[in-house]
Each structure stands twice: as structure tokens, then as C-alpha cells.
Protein backbone atom coordinates (compact mmCIF):
# COMPACT_ATOMS: atom_id res chain seq x y z
CA MET A 1 -118.55 -18.97 -46.09
CA LEU A 2 -120.38 -21.09 -43.58
CA ALA A 3 -117.23 -23.19 -43.12
CA GLU A 4 -115.11 -20.07 -42.71
CA ASN A 5 -117.62 -18.62 -40.23
CA LYS A 6 -117.58 -21.82 -38.20
CA PHE A 7 -113.79 -21.90 -38.24
CA SER A 8 -113.62 -18.27 -37.09
CA LYS A 9 -115.98 -19.01 -34.23
CA TYR A 10 -113.99 -22.12 -33.34
CA LEU A 11 -110.73 -20.18 -33.48
CA LEU A 12 -112.20 -17.44 -31.35
CA TYR A 13 -113.47 -20.02 -28.90
CA ALA A 14 -110.07 -21.77 -28.83
CA VAL A 15 -108.24 -18.49 -28.23
CA GLY A 16 -110.70 -17.66 -25.47
CA GLU A 17 -110.10 -21.05 -23.88
CA ILE A 18 -106.32 -20.52 -24.04
CA ILE A 19 -106.66 -17.07 -22.50
CA LEU A 20 -108.79 -18.50 -19.70
CA VAL A 21 -106.25 -21.28 -19.08
CA VAL A 22 -103.39 -18.76 -19.02
CA ILE A 23 -105.32 -16.51 -16.66
CA GLY A 24 -106.06 -19.51 -14.46
CA ILE A 25 -102.38 -20.46 -14.40
CA LEU A 26 -101.35 -16.89 -13.58
CA ILE A 27 -103.90 -16.72 -10.78
CA ALA A 28 -102.70 -20.08 -9.43
CA LEU A 29 -99.08 -18.91 -9.59
CA GLN A 30 -100.00 -15.69 -7.85
CA ILE A 31 -101.85 -17.57 -5.11
CA ASN A 32 -98.90 -19.95 -4.77
CA ASN A 33 -96.47 -17.04 -4.62
CA ASN A 34 -98.62 -15.33 -2.02
CA ASN A 35 -98.76 -18.53 0.01
CA ASN A 36 -94.97 -18.95 -0.24
CA TYR A 37 -94.46 -15.30 0.68
CA ASN A 38 -96.79 -15.60 3.67
CA GLU A 39 -94.99 -18.77 4.78
CA GLN A 40 -91.62 -17.02 4.45
CA ARG A 41 -92.83 -14.01 6.40
CA SER A 42 -94.32 -16.25 9.07
CA LEU A 43 -91.00 -18.07 9.35
CA GLU A 44 -89.15 -14.74 9.39
CA LYS A 45 -91.32 -13.55 12.28
CA GLU A 46 -90.55 -16.71 14.23
CA TYR A 47 -86.83 -16.14 13.73
CA LEU A 48 -87.13 -12.46 14.61
CA LEU A 49 -88.88 -13.29 17.88
CA SER A 50 -86.28 -15.96 18.71
CA ILE A 51 -83.39 -13.62 17.90
CA GLN A 52 -85.03 -10.84 19.89
CA THR A 53 -85.32 -13.05 22.98
CA GLU A 54 -81.74 -14.26 22.64
CA PHE A 55 -80.29 -10.77 22.16
CA LYS A 56 -82.28 -9.27 25.03
CA ASN A 57 -80.82 -12.01 27.18
CA ASN A 58 -77.35 -11.22 25.82
CA LEU A 59 -77.86 -7.54 26.61
CA ASN A 60 -78.52 -8.46 30.25
CA ILE A 61 -75.40 -10.63 30.24
CA ILE A 62 -73.14 -7.94 28.78
CA ASN A 63 -74.53 -5.37 31.23
CA ALA A 64 -73.74 -7.76 34.10
CA SER A 65 -70.22 -8.35 32.72
CA ILE A 66 -69.62 -4.60 32.44
CA LYS A 67 -70.87 -4.00 35.99
CA GLU A 68 -68.75 -6.83 37.37
CA ASN A 69 -65.72 -5.45 35.54
CA GLU A 70 -66.40 -1.96 36.91
CA GLN A 71 -66.17 -3.41 40.41
CA ARG A 72 -62.92 -5.13 39.42
CA ILE A 73 -61.53 -1.83 38.08
CA GLU A 74 -62.51 0.02 41.27
CA SER A 75 -60.75 -2.61 43.39
CA LEU A 76 -57.64 -2.50 41.21
CA GLU A 77 -57.48 1.30 41.45
CA TYR A 78 -57.78 1.04 45.23
CA LEU A 79 -55.00 -1.57 45.47
CA LEU A 80 -52.66 0.32 43.15
CA ASN A 81 -52.73 3.22 45.60
CA LEU A 82 -51.40 0.94 48.34
CA PHE A 83 -47.90 0.88 46.84
CA ASP A 84 -47.60 4.23 48.61
CA LYS A 85 -46.50 3.11 52.10
CA ASN A 86 -48.15 6.10 53.75
CA VAL A 87 -51.49 4.94 52.31
CA LEU A 88 -50.83 1.26 53.00
CA ASP A 89 -50.24 1.91 56.71
CA THR A 90 -53.76 3.36 57.05
CA VAL A 91 -55.51 0.27 55.61
CA SER A 92 -56.37 -2.96 57.42
CA SER A 93 -55.48 -6.39 56.05
CA GLN A 94 -59.17 -7.28 56.03
CA ARG A 95 -59.94 -4.29 53.81
CA ILE A 96 -57.22 -5.39 51.41
CA SER A 97 -58.72 -8.88 51.27
CA GLN A 98 -62.13 -7.40 50.45
CA LYS A 99 -60.60 -5.56 47.51
CA PHE A 100 -58.85 -8.68 46.25
CA ALA A 101 -62.13 -10.63 46.18
CA PRO A 102 -63.58 -9.08 42.96
CA ILE A 103 -60.22 -9.59 41.23
CA PHE A 104 -59.58 -13.23 42.08
CA GLY A 105 -63.23 -14.23 42.45
CA SER A 106 -63.75 -14.48 38.68
CA SER A 107 -62.06 -13.74 35.37
CA ILE A 108 -62.95 -11.02 32.89
CA SER A 109 -65.44 -12.77 30.64
CA TYR A 110 -68.56 -12.57 28.52
CA ILE A 111 -70.44 -15.77 27.68
CA PRO A 112 -73.47 -14.98 25.49
CA ALA A 113 -76.26 -17.28 24.35
CA THR A 114 -75.72 -18.00 20.64
CA GLY A 115 -77.96 -21.00 19.91
CA VAL A 116 -80.42 -19.18 17.64
CA LEU A 117 -77.69 -17.10 16.01
CA GLU A 118 -75.57 -20.15 15.16
CA ASP A 119 -78.61 -22.07 13.88
CA ILE A 120 -79.57 -19.28 11.46
CA ILE A 121 -76.05 -18.76 10.14
CA SER A 122 -75.05 -22.45 9.88
CA SER A 123 -78.33 -23.45 8.18
CA GLY A 124 -78.03 -20.66 5.62
CA LYS A 125 -81.38 -19.19 6.65
CA LEU A 126 -80.04 -15.71 7.28
CA ASN A 127 -81.49 -14.60 3.93
CA ILE A 128 -84.99 -15.22 5.29
CA LEU A 129 -84.58 -11.87 7.02
CA LEU A 130 -85.62 -9.19 4.53
CA ASN A 131 -83.93 -6.32 6.37
CA LYS A 132 -80.47 -6.08 4.80
CA ASN A 133 -79.03 -4.00 7.65
CA LEU A 134 -80.28 -6.53 10.18
CA ARG A 135 -78.67 -9.40 8.25
CA GLN A 136 -75.36 -7.55 8.10
CA ASN A 137 -75.47 -6.62 11.80
CA ILE A 138 -76.19 -10.21 12.83
CA ALA A 139 -73.36 -11.53 10.66
CA SER A 140 -70.88 -8.94 11.98
CA PHE A 141 -71.92 -9.64 15.58
CA ASN A 142 -70.58 -13.16 15.26
CA SER A 143 -67.25 -11.71 14.11
CA SER A 144 -67.25 -9.31 17.06
CA LEU A 145 -67.62 -12.24 19.46
CA ASP A 146 -64.64 -13.99 17.84
CA TYR A 147 -62.56 -10.82 18.18
CA LEU A 148 -63.61 -10.41 21.81
CA ASP A 149 -62.63 -14.01 22.60
CA ILE A 150 -59.16 -13.45 21.13
CA GLN A 151 -58.63 -10.31 23.22
CA LEU A 152 -59.88 -11.90 26.44
CA ASN A 153 -57.70 -14.96 25.90
CA ALA A 154 -54.69 -12.67 25.47
CA MET A 155 -55.43 -11.15 28.89
CA ASP A 156 -55.33 -14.55 30.56
CA PHE A 157 -51.52 -14.39 30.64
CA THR A 158 -51.54 -11.27 32.85
CA GLU A 159 -54.23 -12.65 35.14
CA GLU A 160 -52.46 -15.99 35.58
CA ASN A 161 -49.17 -14.30 36.43
CA LEU A 162 -50.91 -12.04 38.92
CA ARG A 163 -52.47 -15.07 40.62
CA THR A 164 -49.15 -16.90 40.60
CA ILE A 165 -47.37 -14.07 42.42
CA PHE A 166 -50.17 -13.86 44.95
CA TYR A 167 -50.02 -17.63 45.57
CA LYS A 168 -46.25 -17.43 46.09
CA LYS A 169 -46.05 -14.33 48.27
CA GLY A 170 -49.52 -13.94 49.76
CA SER A 171 -52.04 -15.95 51.74
CA THR A 172 -55.17 -17.20 50.04
CA ARG A 173 -56.35 -18.63 53.35
CA LYS A 174 -56.19 -15.21 54.99
CA LEU A 175 -58.07 -13.66 52.06
CA VAL A 176 -60.99 -16.11 52.18
CA MET A 177 -61.18 -15.93 55.98
CA ASP A 178 -61.15 -12.13 55.97
CA ILE A 179 -64.13 -12.00 53.60
CA GLY A 180 -66.00 -14.59 55.67
CA PHE A 181 -65.89 -17.30 53.04
CA MET A 182 -64.20 -19.79 55.36
CA ASN A 183 -63.92 -20.25 59.10
CA SER A 184 -61.43 -22.62 60.69
CA ASP A 185 -59.93 -23.31 64.09
CA PHE A 186 -57.08 -25.25 62.53
CA LYS A 187 -53.59 -23.84 62.35
CA SER A 188 -52.17 -22.86 58.97
CA ILE A 189 -48.61 -22.34 57.75
CA SER A 190 -49.78 -19.14 56.02
CA GLU A 191 -51.78 -17.67 58.89
CA LYS A 192 -48.92 -15.35 59.86
CA ILE A 193 -48.47 -14.02 56.34
CA ASP A 194 -49.68 -10.47 55.93
CA ASN A 195 -50.89 -9.72 52.41
CA LYS A 196 -49.62 -6.19 52.88
CA GLN A 197 -46.15 -7.45 52.01
CA LEU A 198 -47.33 -7.94 48.42
CA PHE A 199 -47.18 -4.18 48.04
CA GLU A 200 -43.42 -4.26 48.46
CA SER A 201 -43.06 -6.23 45.22
CA ALA A 202 -42.40 -4.32 41.99
CA GLU A 203 -43.30 -7.46 40.01
CA PHE A 204 -46.71 -7.63 41.71
CA GLU A 205 -47.29 -3.94 41.01
CA ASN A 206 -46.41 -4.43 37.33
CA TYR A 207 -48.89 -7.26 36.85
CA LEU A 208 -51.55 -5.50 38.92
CA LEU A 209 -51.19 -2.41 36.74
CA ALA A 210 -51.25 -4.49 33.55
CA TYR A 211 -54.41 -6.24 34.69
CA TYR A 212 -55.98 -2.88 35.55
CA LEU A 213 -55.25 -1.56 32.06
CA SER A 214 -56.67 -4.75 30.53
CA ALA A 215 -59.88 -4.38 32.55
CA LYS A 216 -60.23 -0.73 31.50
CA VAL A 217 -59.75 -1.60 27.82
CA THR A 218 -62.27 -4.44 28.08
CA ASN A 219 -65.02 -2.08 29.26
CA GLY A 220 -64.10 0.39 26.51
CA PRO A 221 -65.73 1.00 23.10
CA LYS A 222 -63.67 -1.65 21.26
CA LEU A 223 -64.64 -4.66 23.37
CA PHE A 224 -67.58 -4.82 25.83
CA GLY A 225 -68.78 -1.39 24.70
CA ARG A 226 -68.75 -2.48 21.06
CA VAL A 227 -70.64 -5.71 21.77
CA LYS A 228 -73.27 -3.86 23.81
CA THR A 229 -73.81 -1.28 21.04
CA GLU A 230 -74.20 -4.01 18.41
CA ILE A 231 -76.71 -5.89 20.55
CA GLU A 232 -78.78 -2.75 21.12
CA THR A 233 -78.71 -1.96 17.39
CA ILE A 234 -79.90 -5.46 16.47
CA ILE A 235 -82.72 -5.31 19.03
CA LYS A 236 -83.91 -1.96 17.64
CA GLU A 237 -83.84 -3.30 14.05
CA ILE A 238 -85.88 -6.33 15.09
CA GLU A 239 -88.45 -4.16 16.88
CA LYS A 240 -88.88 -2.07 13.71
CA GLU A 241 -89.44 -5.21 11.62
CA LEU A 242 -91.97 -6.66 14.07
CA GLU A 243 -93.94 -3.40 14.05
CA LYS A 244 -94.47 -3.58 10.27
């Protein structure tokens, strides 16, 4: 009986020790899990802040691209009216040059900052972001940029042909002098060319109209409008996460 009593106490003691060890392991695992979770959330916050900065910058860029394209559209609309000779006769060559400047001064484009975005996607760290909608929106944004690039590249053909016709039939020198970009006392073989004669060309009108339609589509909901909406959505999602 004494032996059995001692064994029972020993067994009880052993079980107690095992329970304490298990509890200790569980507590250690819980602490480790909490530490890992806190590290993950800290890393997530760093990424969220970096993405937020990048996308706010991209929002400014897309807004600037849209505004620049609006000026291009306004100039194109003005020039398209000049194929009516009665209207053309009331406009000075200098005014025409001023309207050509936004068209030939730059191409329709959008060049966003994507360093943080590419780093997250290429490194496979997108899953660090707990917000599923945010992950999906970021992933789809990359696809939207690819689609936008394809569409803008397709428009290059129209723009290049428009420039080519202008170079053949118009005077670039007169254009840059009219807008005050260049002053020169030297004679030029194109100084007598009046850019008004461009508005007698059906080919020029066709490419000018095509470029106008391209610019309008670009600022629409499928291209620049779509990119802007996606950026704004991502920024709002990030702000919600950072407020938690």
C-alpha cells in the first residue's frame, strides 16, 4: 500500500510536470506566434505606407496627364474647325501655331512610378497584405498599366503620320518662332510657308481627326479614367487599413 501510494504520488507529480511543460510550450508558441504576427503587421504597415506614397504620386501624375490631354483635345477641336475656309480666314497664322504647340509638344503618355509595386509583386510579398480586396486591386492595377501601354503604343501610328504630313507640308520653323521658342535673323527656306495651307489637305484632316478621337478615348473611362479610379480605390483601401 505504501508502495502504491508512493507510485500514485509519483505518477501524479509526473503528470503535473508534463502538464506544466505542455503549458510552457503552448505559452512559448503563443508568444512566438504573437511576435511573428507583430513582425508581419509591422512589415505590412511599412509596405502600406510605401504603396500609399507611390500611389499618391501616381495620382498626381495621372491628373497631370489628363489635364495635358484636355489641352491637346481643345487644340485639336479648334484646328478641326479650320477646315472651314470661312473660319480659317478669320484666324492668324500665329494663333494656329499656338494651337499646334500642345499637339506636337509632347505625346499622349502616362509614366507612373512602379518601384514599390514591382518589388512587392516580384518578391511574392503581396500576401503580406491582409486586405484581400487591396491585394486584388494592386494586382489588377499592374494589368491595367499593361493594357494602357498597348493602347497608347497603337496610337503612335496616327501621331507619327500626323507629324510626317506636317513636316512635309508645313513649317516647323514658323511654328516655333510664332510661339516664341526660337528667334533668328537668318533666312530659312520654309519662312514663306504658311501653315494655313495644311487645312487644304484631306489627308491632314483625316489624321488630325483620328488623333483627336484617340485623345478623347484616352481620357475616357477605359484608359486614363480607369487608371485614375483604380489608384483612388487603392489609396482609400490603404487609408482604411492604416486607421485600424
